[in-house]
């Protein structure tokens, strides 16, 4: 795979090597990719934690009898979908 870097990115890599932090460009890029993977994993776990909290709140509401019948909600969503579909067709 051939990759073209912006001059400022090349300079950043060279600076990291010159400072002795990394032995070569491959090591710099490997560290950057590991950081990206770690960031993606952290975003996923943050989303997962927030989703679990929301589900717990929903379950508590249902346990207290605060839920809604699903059919009216489904009907509303389907109606909105159909309306959006009609708008999209009129734009074609």
PDB file of N, CA and C in Angstrom:
ATOM      1  N   UNK A   1       0.848  -1.173   0.000  1.00  0.00           N
ATOM      2  CA  UNK A   1       0.000   0.000   0.000  1.00  0.00           C
ATOM      3  C   UNK A   1       0.896   1.238   0.000  1.00  0.00           C
ATOM      4  N   UNK A   2       0.635   2.116  -0.920  1.00  0.00           N
ATOM      5  CA  UNK A   2       1.378   3.371  -0.976  1.00  0.00           C
ATOM      6  C   UNK A   2       0.536   4.466  -0.334  1.00  0.00           C
ATOM      7  N   UNK A   3       1.171   5.245   0.524  1.00  0.00           N
ATOM      8  CA  UNK A   3       0.458   6.317   1.227  1.00  0.00           C
ATOM      9  C   UNK A   3       1.193   7.618   0.991  1.00  0.00           C
ATOM     10  N   UNK A   4       0.438   8.653   0.667  1.00  0.00           N
ATOM     11  CA  UNK A   4       1.014   9.983   0.505  1.00  0.00           C
ATOM     12  C   UNK A   4       0.638  10.806   1.722  1.00  0.00           C
ATOM     13  N   UNK A   5       1.632  11.342   2.393  1.00  0.00           N
ATOM     14  CA  UNK A   5       1.394  12.143   3.591  1.00  0.00           C
ATOM     15  C   UNK A   5       1.517  13.622   3.285  1.00  0.00           C
ATOM     16  N   UNK A   6       0.779  14.412   4.013  1.00  0.00           N
ATOM     17  CA  UNK A   6       0.937  15.862   3.925  1.00  0.00           C
ATOM     18  C   UNK A   6       2.296  16.222   4.514  1.00  0.00           C
ATOM     19  N   UNK A   7       2.894  17.299   4.038  1.00  0.00           N
ATOM     20  CA  UNK A   7       4.219  17.690   4.551  1.00  0.00           C
ATOM     21  C   UNK A   7       4.254  17.851   6.079  1.00  0.00           C
ATOM     22  N   UNK A   8       3.187  18.391   6.652  1.00  0.00           N
ATOM     23  CA  UNK A   8       3.176  18.579   8.104  1.00  0.00           C
ATOM     24  C   UNK A   8       3.137  17.252   8.851  1.00  0.00           C
ATOM     25  N   UNK A   9       2.518  16.229   8.232  1.00  0.00           N
ATOM     26  CA  UNK A   9       2.502  14.910   8.855  1.00  0.00           C
ATOM     27  C   UNK A   9       3.876  14.246   8.746  1.00  0.00           C
ATOM     28  N   UNK A  10       4.513  14.428   7.594  1.00  0.00           N
ATOM     29  CA  UNK A  10       5.872  13.906   7.439  1.00  0.00           C
ATOM     30  C   UNK A  10       6.797  14.547   8.464  1.00  0.00           C
ATOM     31  N   UNK A  11       6.646  15.851   8.669  1.00  0.00           N
ATOM     32  CA  UNK A  11       7.483  16.561   9.645  1.00  0.00           C
ATOM     33  C   UNK A  11       7.220  16.057  11.054  1.00  0.00           C
ATOM     34  N   UNK A  12       5.965  15.806  11.377  1.00  0.00           N
ATOM     35  CA  UNK A  12       5.621  15.278  12.692  1.00  0.00           C
ATOM     36  C   UNK A  12       6.298  13.927  12.917  1.00  0.00           C
ATOM     37  N   UNK A  13       6.257  13.077  11.925  1.00  0.00           N
ATOM     38  CA  UNK A  13       6.893  11.763  12.030  1.00  0.00           C
ATOM     39  C   UNK A  13       8.402  11.925  12.205  1.00  0.00           C
ATOM     40  N   UNK A  14       9.001  12.785  11.398  1.00  0.00           N
ATOM     41  CA  UNK A  14      10.447  13.006  11.501  1.00  0.00           C
ATOM     42  C   UNK A  14      10.835  13.573  12.868  1.00  0.00           C
ATOM     43  N   UNK A  15      10.020  14.460  13.386  1.00  0.00           N
ATOM     44  CA  UNK A  15      10.287  15.037  14.711  1.00  0.00           C
ATOM     45  C   UNK A  15      10.259  13.950  15.782  1.00  0.00           C
ATOM     46  N   UNK A  16       9.283  13.043  15.686  1.00  0.00           N
ATOM     47  CA  UNK A  16       9.179  11.944  16.659  1.00  0.00           C
ATOM     48  C   UNK A  16      10.419  11.053  16.599  1.00  0.00           C
ATOM     49  N   UNK A  17      10.907  10.809  15.403  1.00  0.00           N
ATOM     50  CA  UNK A  17      12.109   9.979  15.228  1.00  0.00           C
ATOM     51  C   UNK A  17      13.333  10.707  15.756  1.00  0.00           C
ATOM     52  N   UNK A  18      13.467  12.003  15.403  1.00  0.00           N
ATOM     53  CA  UNK A  18      14.627  12.794  15.836  1.00  0.00           C
ATOM     54  C   UNK A  18      14.671  12.952  17.352  1.00  0.00           C
ATOM     55  N   UNK A  19      13.503  13.023  17.980  1.00  0.00           N
ATOM     56  CA  UNK A  19      13.447  13.151  19.439  1.00  0.00           C
ATOM     57  C   UNK A  19      13.743  11.828  20.143  1.00  0.00           C
ATOM     58  N   UNK A  20      13.884  10.763  19.363  1.00  0.00           N
ATOM     59  CA  UNK A  20      14.205   9.471  19.926  1.00  0.00           C
ATOM     60  C   UNK A  20      13.021   8.717  20.484  1.00  0.00           C
ATOM     61  N   UNK A  21      11.851   9.232  20.246  1.00  0.00           N
ATOM     62  CA  UNK A  21      10.662   8.569  20.769  1.00  0.00           C
ATOM     63  C   UNK A  21      10.358   7.281  20.010  1.00  0.00           C
ATOM     64  N   UNK A  22      10.677   7.275  18.719  1.00  0.00           N
ATOM     65  CA  UNK A  22      10.440   6.108  17.871  1.00  0.00           C
ATOM     66  C   UNK A  22      11.670   5.862  17.014  1.00  0.00           C
ATOM     67  N   UNK A  23      11.947   4.583  16.690  1.00  0.00           N
ATOM     68  CA  UNK A  23      13.137   4.286  15.890  1.00  0.00           C
ATOM     69  C   UNK A  23      12.973   4.587  14.396  1.00  0.00           C
ATOM     70  N   UNK A  24      11.718   4.524  13.906  1.00  0.00           N
ATOM     71  CA  UNK A  24      11.499   4.747  12.478  1.00  0.00           C
ATOM     72  C   UNK A  24      10.042   5.138  12.226  1.00  0.00           C
ATOM     73  N   UNK A  25       9.740   5.454  10.962  1.00  0.00           N
ATOM     74  CA  UNK A  25       8.400   5.908  10.593  1.00  0.00           C
ATOM     75  C   UNK A  25       7.353   4.827  10.833  1.00  0.00           C
ATOM     76  N   UNK A  26       7.704   3.579  10.589  1.00  0.00           N
ATOM     77  CA  UNK A  26       6.748   2.497  10.823  1.00  0.00           C
ATOM     78  C   UNK A  26       6.309   2.439  12.276  1.00  0.00           C
ATOM     79  N   UNK A  27       7.236   2.651  13.189  1.00  0.00           N
ATOM     80  CA  UNK A  27       6.898   2.623  14.617  1.00  0.00           C
ATOM     81  C   UNK A  27       5.968   3.773  14.982  1.00  0.00           C
ATOM     82  N   UNK A  28       6.182   4.935  14.374  1.00  0.00           N
ATOM     83  CA  UNK A  28       5.301   6.088  14.624  1.00  0.00           C
ATOM     84  C   UNK A  28       3.896   5.777  14.133  1.00  0.00           C
ATOM     85  N   UNK A  29       3.789   5.256  12.930  1.00  0.00           N
ATOM     86  CA  UNK A  29       2.481   4.952  12.356  1.00  0.00           C
ATOM     87  C   UNK A  29       1.781   3.831  13.119  1.00  0.00           C
ATOM     88  N   UNK A  30       2.535   2.845  13.566  1.00  0.00           N
ATOM     89  CA  UNK A  30       1.942   1.763  14.339  1.00  0.00           C
ATOM     90  C   UNK A  30       1.354   2.298  15.643  1.00  0.00           C
ATOM     91  N   UNK A  31       2.077   3.197  16.302  1.00  0.00           N
ATOM     92  CA  UNK A  31       1.572   3.793  17.542  1.00  0.00           C
ATOM     93  C   UNK A  31       0.316   4.621  17.275  1.00  0.00           C
ATOM     94  N   UNK A  32       0.319   5.347  16.170  1.00  0.00           N
ATOM     95  CA  UNK A  32      -0.847   6.162  15.820  1.00  0.00           C
ATOM     96  C   UNK A  32      -2.066   5.285  15.552  1.00  0.00           C
ATOM     97  N   UNK A  33      -1.869   4.172  14.866  1.00  0.00           N
ATOM     98  CA  UNK A  33      -2.982   3.271  14.571  1.00  0.00           C
ATOM     99  C   UNK A  33      -3.495   2.595  15.841  1.00  0.00           C
ATOM    100  N   UNK A  34      -2.614   2.232  16.743  1.00  0.00           N
ATOM    101  CA  UNK A  34      -3.040   1.650  18.018  1.00  0.00           C
ATOM    102  C   UNK A  34      -3.877   2.653  18.808  1.00  0.00           C
ATOM    103  N   UNK A  35      -3.462   3.912  18.769  1.00  0.00           N
ATOM    104  CA  UNK A  35      -4.219   4.956  19.458  1.00  0.00           C
ATOM    105  C   UNK A  35      -5.611   5.107  18.841  1.00  0.00           C
ATOM    106  N   UNK A  36      -5.690   5.052  17.527  1.00  0.00           N
ATOM    107  CA  UNK A  36      -6.978   5.140  16.834  1.00  0.00           C
ATOM    108  C   UNK A  36      -7.881   3.978  17.218  1.00  0.00           C
ATOM    109  N   UNK A  37      -7.325   2.781  17.235  1.00  0.00           N
ATOM    110  CA  UNK A  37      -8.111   1.609  17.629  1.00  0.00           C
ATOM    111  C   UNK A  37      -8.585   1.739  19.064  1.00  0.00           C
ATOM    112  N   UNK A  38      -7.713   2.202  19.942  1.00  0.00           N
ATOM    113  CA  UNK A  38      -8.068   2.393  21.351  1.00  0.00           C
ATOM    114  C   UNK A  38      -9.180   3.426  21.496  1.00  0.00           C
ATOM    115  N   UNK A  39      -9.081   4.508  20.721  1.00  0.00           N
ATOM    116  CA  UNK A  39     -10.106   5.565  20.765  1.00  0.00           C
ATOM    117  C   UNK A  39     -11.444   5.023  20.294  1.00  0.00           C
ATOM    118  N   UNK A  40     -11.429   4.228  19.211  1.00  0.00           N
ATOM    119  CA  UNK A  40     -12.666   3.631  18.708  1.00  0.00           C
ATOM    120  C   UNK A  40     -13.273   2.694  19.750  1.00  0.00           C
ATOM    121  N   UNK A  41     -12.430   1.906  20.398  1.00  0.00           N
ATOM    122  CA  UNK A  41     -12.918   0.989  21.427  1.00  0.00           C
ATOM    123  C   UNK A  41     -13.521   1.765  22.584  1.00  0.00           C
ATOM    124  N   UNK A  42     -12.872   2.853  22.985  1.00  0.00           N
ATOM    125  CA  UNK A  42     -13.394   3.658  24.095  1.00  0.00           C
ATOM    126  C   UNK A  42     -14.730   4.283  23.721  1.00  0.00           C
ATOM    127  N   UNK A  43     -14.865   4.752  22.482  1.00  0.00           N
ATOM    128  CA  UNK A  43     -16.138   5.314  22.034  1.00  0.00           C
ATOM    129  C   UNK A  43     -17.242   4.265  22.098  1.00  0.00           C
ATOM    130  N   UNK A  44     -16.914   3.046  21.676  1.00  0.00           N
ATOM    131  CA  UNK A  44     -17.890   1.962  21.709  1.00  0.00           C
ATOM    132  C   UNK A  44     -18.316   1.667  23.143  1.00  0.00           C
ATOM    133  N   UNK A  45     -17.352   1.571  24.053  1.00  0.00           N
ATOM    134  CA  UNK A  45     -17.689   1.250  25.440  1.00  0.00           C
ATOM    135  C   UNK A  45     -18.473   2.385  26.100  1.00  0.00           C
ATOM    136  N   UNK A  46     -18.183   3.623  25.728  1.00  0.00           N
ATOM    137  CA  UNK A  46     -18.964   4.760  26.229  1.00  0.00           C
ATOM    138  C   UNK A  46     -20.404   4.646  25.734  1.00  0.00           C
ATOM    139  N   UNK A  47     -20.574   4.367  24.429  1.00  0.00           N
ATOM    140  CA  UNK A  47     -21.911   4.190  23.861  1.00  0.00           C
ATOM    141  C   UNK A  47     -22.627   3.033  24.547  1.00  0.00           C
ATOM    142  N   UNK A  48     -21.934   1.925  24.745  1.00  0.00           N
ATOM    143  CA  UNK A  48     -22.533   0.754  25.365  1.00  0.00           C
ATOM    144  C   UNK A  48     -23.000   1.057  26.787  1.00  0.00           C
ATOM    145  N   UNK A  49     -22.185   1.747  27.567  1.00  0.00           N
ATOM    146  CA  UNK A  49     -22.542   2.115  28.940  1.00  0.00           C
ATOM    147  C   UNK A  49     -23.762   3.028  28.955  1.00  0.00           C
ATOM    148  N   UNK A  50     -23.769   4.032  28.079  1.00  0.00           N
ATOM    149  CA  UNK A  50     -24.905   4.958  28.018  1.00  0.00           C
ATOM    150  C   UNK A  50     -26.176   4.224  27.589  1.00  0.00           C
ATOM    151  N   UNK A  51     -26.057   3.316  26.623  1.00  0.00           N
ATOM    152  CA  UNK A  51     -27.218   2.558  26.156  1.00  0.00           C
ATOM    153  C   UNK A  51     -27.766   1.671  27.265  1.00  0.00           C
ATOM    154  N   UNK A  52     -26.882   1.025  28.003  1.00  0.00           N
ATOM    155  CA  UNK A  52     -27.338   0.181  29.113  1.00  0.00           C
ATOM    156  C   UNK A  52     -28.067   1.004  30.175  1.00  0.00           C
ATOM    157  N   UNK A  53     -27.590   2.209  30.434  1.00  0.00           N
ATOM    158  CA  UNK A  53     -28.270   3.091  31.398  1.00  0.00           C
ATOM    159  C   UNK A  53     -29.668   3.455  30.895  1.00  0.00           C
ATOM    160  N   UNK A  54     -29.771   3.770  29.602  1.00  0.00           N
ATOM    161  CA  UNK A  54     -31.071   4.124  29.030  1.00  0.00           C
ATOM    162  C   UNK A  54     -32.042   2.948  29.081  1.00  0.00           C
ATOM    163  N   UNK A  55     -31.529   1.762  28.807  1.00  0.00           N
ATOM    164  CA  UNK A  55     -32.378   0.567  28.880  1.00  0.00           C
ATOM    165  C   UNK A  55     -32.852   0.352  30.309  1.00  0.00           C
ATOM    166  N   UNK A  56     -31.964   0.544  31.277  1.00  0.00           N
ATOM    167  CA  UNK A  56     -32.337   0.383  32.687  1.00  0.00           C
ATOM    168  C   UNK A  56     -33.422   1.384  33.080  1.00  0.00           C
ATOM    169  N   UNK A  57     -33.313   2.614  32.607  1.00  0.00           N
ATOM    170  CA  UNK A  57     -34.334   3.626  32.879  1.00  0.00           C
ATOM    171  C   UNK A  57     -35.659   3.193  32.264  1.00  0.00           C
ATOM    172  N   UNK A  58     -35.608   2.715  31.018  1.00  0.00           N
ATOM    173  CA  UNK A  58     -36.829   2.260  30.345  1.00  0.00           C
ATOM    174  C   UNK A  58     -37.485   1.102  31.071  1.00  0.00           C
ATOM    175  N   UNK A  59     -36.677   0.163  31.532  1.00  0.00           N
ATOM    176  CA  UNK A  59     -37.227  -0.977  32.268  1.00  0.00           C
ATOM    177  C   UNK A  59     -37.872  -0.509  33.566  1.00  0.00           C
ATOM    178  N   UNK A  60     -37.232   0.422  34.254  1.00  0.00           N
ATOM    179  CA  UNK A  60     -37.805   0.968  35.489  1.00  0.00           C
ATOM    180  C   UNK A  60     -39.137   1.655  35.218  1.00  0.00           C
ATOM    181  N   UNK A  61     -39.207   2.409  34.135  1.00  0.00           N
ATOM    182  CA  UNK A  61     -40.457   3.077  33.779  1.00  0.00           C
ATOM    183  C   UNK A  61     -41.554   2.057  33.483  1.00  0.00           C
ATOM    184  N   UNK A  62     -41.204   1.009  32.752  1.00  0.00           N
ATOM    185  CA  UNK A  62     -42.189  -0.037  32.460  1.00  0.00           C
ATOM    186  C   UNK A  62     -42.656  -0.727  33.738  1.00  0.00           C
ATOM    187  N   UNK A  63     -41.713  -0.979  34.645  1.00  0.00           N
ATOM    188  CA  UNK A  63     -42.066  -1.607  35.924  1.00  0.00           C
ATOM    189  C   UNK A  63     -43.031  -0.743  36.730  1.00  0.00           C
ATOM    190  N   UNK A  64     -42.944   0.571  36.555  1.00  0.00           N
ATOM    191  CA  UNK A  64     -43.840   1.495  37.271  1.00  0.00           C
ATOM    192  C   UNK A  64     -45.141   1.737  36.494  1.00  0.00           C
ATOM    193  N   UNK A  65     -45.281   1.071  35.341  1.00  0.00           N
ATOM    194  CA  UNK A  65     -46.490   1.234  34.550  1.00  0.00           C
ATOM    195  C   UNK A  65     -46.498   2.490  33.704  1.00  0.00           C
ATOM    196  N   UNK A  66     -45.351   3.058  33.448  1.00  0.00           N
ATOM    197  CA  UNK A  66     -45.261   4.316  32.695  1.00  0.00           C
ATOM    198  C   UNK A  66     -45.064   4.098  31.195  1.00  0.00           C
ATOM    199  N   UNK A  67     -45.102   2.872  30.739  1.00  0.00           N
ATOM    200  CA  UNK A  67     -44.864   2.587  29.330  1.00  0.00           C
ATOM    201  C   UNK A  67     -46.060   2.940  28.465  1.00  0.00           C
ATOM    202  N   UNK A  68     -45.837   2.890  27.164  1.00  0.00           N
ATOM    203  CA  UNK A  68     -46.895   3.136  26.194  1.00  0.00           C
ATOM    204  C   UNK A  68     -47.144   1.853  25.411  1.00  0.00           C
ATOM    205  N   UNK A  69     -48.353   1.736  24.885  1.00  0.00           N
ATOM    206  CA  UNK A  69     -48.655   0.633  23.985  1.00  0.00           C
ATOM    207  C   UNK A  69     -47.809   0.823  22.726  1.00  0.00           C
ATOM    208  N   UNK A  70     -47.175  -0.221  22.276  1.00  0.00           N
ATOM    209  CA  UNK A  70     -46.242  -0.128  21.164  1.00  0.00           C
ATOM    210  C   UNK A  70     -46.915   0.213  19.833  1.00  0.00           C
ATOM    211  N   UNK A  71     -48.136  -0.254  19.613  1.00  0.00           N
ATOM    212  CA  UNK A  71     -48.743  -0.101  18.296  1.00  0.00           C
ATOM    213  C   UNK A  71     -48.905   1.363  17.872  1.00  0.00           C
ATOM    214  N   UNK A  72     -49.397   2.265  18.719  1.00  0.00           N
ATOM    215  CA  UNK A  72     -49.478   3.669  18.276  1.00  0.00           C
ATOM    216  C   UNK A  72     -48.109   4.259  17.927  1.00  0.00           C
ATOM    217  N   UNK A  73     -47.093   3.874  18.661  1.00  0.00           N
ATOM    218  CA  UNK A  73     -45.749   4.375  18.372  1.00  0.00           C
ATOM    219  C   UNK A  73     -45.275   3.830  17.026  1.00  0.00           C
ATOM    220  N   UNK A  74     -45.491   2.549  16.789  1.00  0.00           N
ATOM    221  CA  UNK A  74     -45.114   1.944  15.509  1.00  0.00           C
ATOM    222  C   UNK A  74     -45.874   2.599  14.360  1.00  0.00           C
ATOM    223  N   UNK A  75     -47.163   2.838  14.564  1.00  0.00           N
ATOM    224  CA  UNK A  75     -47.977   3.490  13.528  1.00  0.00           C
ATOM    225  C   UNK A  75     -47.451   4.879  13.210  1.00  0.00           C
ATOM    226  N   UNK A  76     -47.060   5.626  14.239  1.00  0.00           N
ATOM    227  CA  UNK A  76     -46.515   6.975  14.035  1.00  0.00           C
ATOM    228  C   UNK A  76     -45.214   6.917  13.243  1.00  0.00           C
ATOM    229  N   UNK A  77     -44.338   5.996  13.605  1.00  0.00           N
ATOM    230  CA  UNK A  77     -43.067   5.858  12.893  1.00  0.00           C
ATOM    231  C   UNK A  77     -43.299   5.472  11.442  1.00  0.00           C
ATOM    232  N   UNK A  78     -44.207   4.537  11.202  1.00  0.00           N
ATOM    233  CA  UNK A  78     -44.517   4.136   9.826  1.00  0.00           C
ATOM    234  C   UNK A  78     -45.104   5.291   9.021  1.00  0.00           C
ATOM    235  N   UNK A  79     -45.966   6.078   9.640  1.00  0.00           N
ATOM    236  CA  UNK A  79     -46.544   7.235   8.953  1.00  0.00           C
ATOM    237  C   UNK A  79     -45.456   8.251   8.595  1.00  0.00           C
ATOM    238  N   UNK A  80     -44.530   8.479   9.520  1.00  0.00           N
ATOM    239  CA  UNK A  80     -43.432   9.405   9.242  1.00  0.00           C
ATOM    240  C   UNK A  80     -42.542   8.870   8.124  1.00  0.00           C
ATOM    241  N   UNK A  81     -42.315   7.577   8.129  1.00  0.00           N
ATOM    242  CA  UNK A  81     -41.520   6.948   7.076  1.00  0.00           C
ATOM    243  C   UNK A  81     -42.199   7.117   5.718  1.00  0.00           C
ATOM    244  N   UNK A  82     -43.503   6.851   5.665  1.00  0.00           N
ATOM    245  CA  UNK A  82     -44.246   6.981   4.410  1.00  0.00           C
ATOM    246  C   UNK A  82     -44.220   8.425   3.903  1.00  0.00           C
ATOM    247  N   UNK A  83     -44.364   9.363   4.826  1.00  0.00           N
ATOM    248  CA  UNK A  83     -44.328  10.783   4.450  1.00  0.00           C
ATOM    249  C   UNK A  83     -42.950  11.142   3.880  1.00  0.00           C
ATOM    250  N   UNK A  84     -41.893  10.683   4.527  1.00  0.00           N
ATOM    251  CA  UNK A  84     -40.539  10.955   4.043  1.00  0.00           C
ATOM    252  C   UNK A  84     -40.319  10.317   2.676  1.00  0.00           C
ATOM    253  N   UNK A  85     -40.874   9.144   2.488  1.00  0.00           N
ATOM    254  CA  UNK A  85     -40.748   8.446   1.207  1.00  0.00           C
ATOM    255  C   UNK A  85     -41.440   9.240   0.096  1.00  0.00           C
ATOM    256  N   UNK A  86     -42.634   9.795   0.396  1.00  0.00           N
ATOM    257  CA  UNK A  86     -43.369  10.593  -0.588  1.00  0.00           C
ATOM    258  C   UNK A  86     -42.582  11.861  -0.944  1.00  0.00           C
ATOM    259  N   UNK A  87     -41.992  12.489   0.060  1.00  0.00           N
ATOM    260  CA  UNK A  87     -41.189  13.695  -0.185  1.00  0.00           C
ATOM    261  C   UNK A  87     -40.000  13.353  -1.075  1.00  0.00           C
ATOM    262  N   UNK A  88     -39.346  12.229  -0.792  1.00  0.00           N
ATOM    263  CA  UNK A  88     -38.203  11.808  -1.583  1.00  0.00           C
ATOM    264  C   UNK A  88     -38.599  11.523  -3.027  1.00  0.00           C
ATOM    265  N   UNK A  89     -39.758  10.891  -3.227  1.00  0.00           N
ATOM    266  CA  UNK A  89     -40.231  10.597  -4.591  1.00  0.00           C
ATOM    267  C   UNK A  89     -40.553  11.879  -5.344  1.00  0.00           C
ATOM    268  N   UNK A  90     -41.071  12.877  -4.646  1.00  0.00           N
ATOM    269  CA  UNK A  90     -41.423  14.126  -5.321  1.00  0.00           C
ATOM    270  C   UNK A  90     -40.181  14.926  -5.726  1.00  0.00           C
ATOM    271  N   UNK A  91     -39.035  14.616  -5.101  1.00  0.00           N
ATOM    272  CA  UNK A  91     -37.793  15.307  -5.418  1.00  0.00           C
ATOM    273  C   UNK A  91     -37.080  14.672  -6.621  1.00  0.00           C
ATOM    274  N   UNK A  92     -37.495  13.474  -7.008  1.00  0.00           N
ATOM    275  CA  UNK A  92     -36.826  12.770  -8.122  1.00  0.00           C
ATOM    276  C   UNK A  92     -37.147  13.371  -9.448  1.00  0.00           C
TER     277      UNK A  92
END
